[in-house]
Amino acid sequence: MENPPLLLVSDIDRIVARTNSTGTRAQRHEIPLAALGEPRSLEILRALFFELLRRC
């Protein structure tokens, strides 16, 4: 894949997700690991894995 629709990286402090689906605007989401259990963080991750990847 030359240009993946989802790039997900993490380190000891955060998770960074970049989306680049065809026909949509590229987005960047940064989630601190300390906030991983918060509703908004979980909403972002669920959308990335279950909605964005379902389109691929």
Protein backbone atom coordinates (compact mmCIF):
# COMPACT_ATOMS: atom_id res chain seq x y z
CA MET A 1 0.00 0.00 0.00
CA GLU A 2 1.50 3.28 -1.03
CA ASN A 3 -0.90 5.48 0.91
CA PRO A 4 -2.70 3.60 3.71
CA PRO A 5 -6.09 4.93 4.86
CA LEU A 6 -5.03 4.68 8.50
CA LEU A 7 -1.63 5.19 10.11
CA LEU A 8 -1.56 4.40 13.82
CA VAL A 9 1.55 4.86 15.94
CA SER A 10 2.15 4.96 19.66
CA ASP A 11 4.88 5.54 22.19
CA ILE A 12 4.91 5.44 25.98
CA ASP A 13 2.85 8.64 26.27
CA ARG A 14 0.34 8.76 23.42
CA ILE A 15 -1.40 7.21 20.44
CA VAL A 16 -1.39 9.18 17.19
CA ALA A 17 -3.76 8.26 14.38
CA ARG A 18 -3.74 9.81 10.91
CA THR A 19 -6.56 9.10 8.49
CA ASN A 20 -6.32 9.49 4.75
CA SER A 21 -9.31 7.79 3.14
CA THR A 22 -10.16 8.46 -0.47
CA GLY A 23 -12.76 11.19 -0.79
CA THR A 24 -12.34 12.53 2.75
CA ARG A 25 -10.17 15.17 4.36
CA ALA A 26 -7.06 13.83 6.15
CA GLN A 27 -7.31 14.04 9.93
CA ARG A 28 -4.91 13.67 12.86
CA HIS A 29 -5.98 12.47 16.29
CA GLU A 30 -3.67 12.39 19.30
CA ILE A 31 -4.76 10.52 22.42
CA PRO A 32 -2.64 10.67 25.56
CA LEU A 33 -2.45 7.23 27.17
CA ALA A 34 -3.56 8.82 30.45
CA ALA A 35 -6.86 9.69 28.70
CA LEU A 36 -7.34 6.32 27.02
CA GLY A 37 -10.34 5.36 29.16
CA GLU A 38 -12.21 8.62 28.58
CA PRO A 39 -15.37 8.43 26.47
CA ARG A 40 -14.07 10.73 23.70
CA SER A 41 -10.84 8.72 23.33
CA LEU A 42 -12.76 5.46 23.08
CA GLU A 43 -15.17 7.04 20.57
CA ILE A 44 -12.26 8.05 18.32
CA LEU A 45 -10.61 4.61 18.46
CA ARG A 46 -13.87 2.78 17.80
CA ALA A 47 -14.59 4.98 14.81
CA LEU A 48 -11.10 4.39 13.43
CA PHE A 49 -11.19 0.63 13.74
CA PHE A 50 -14.81 -0.19 13.09
CA GLU A 51 -15.98 2.47 10.64
CA LEU A 52 -12.92 3.60 8.73
CA LEU A 53 -11.43 0.15 8.24
CA ARG A 54 -14.81 -1.32 7.27
CA ARG A 55 -14.72 0.92 4.16
CA CYS A 56 -11.41 -0.55 3.00
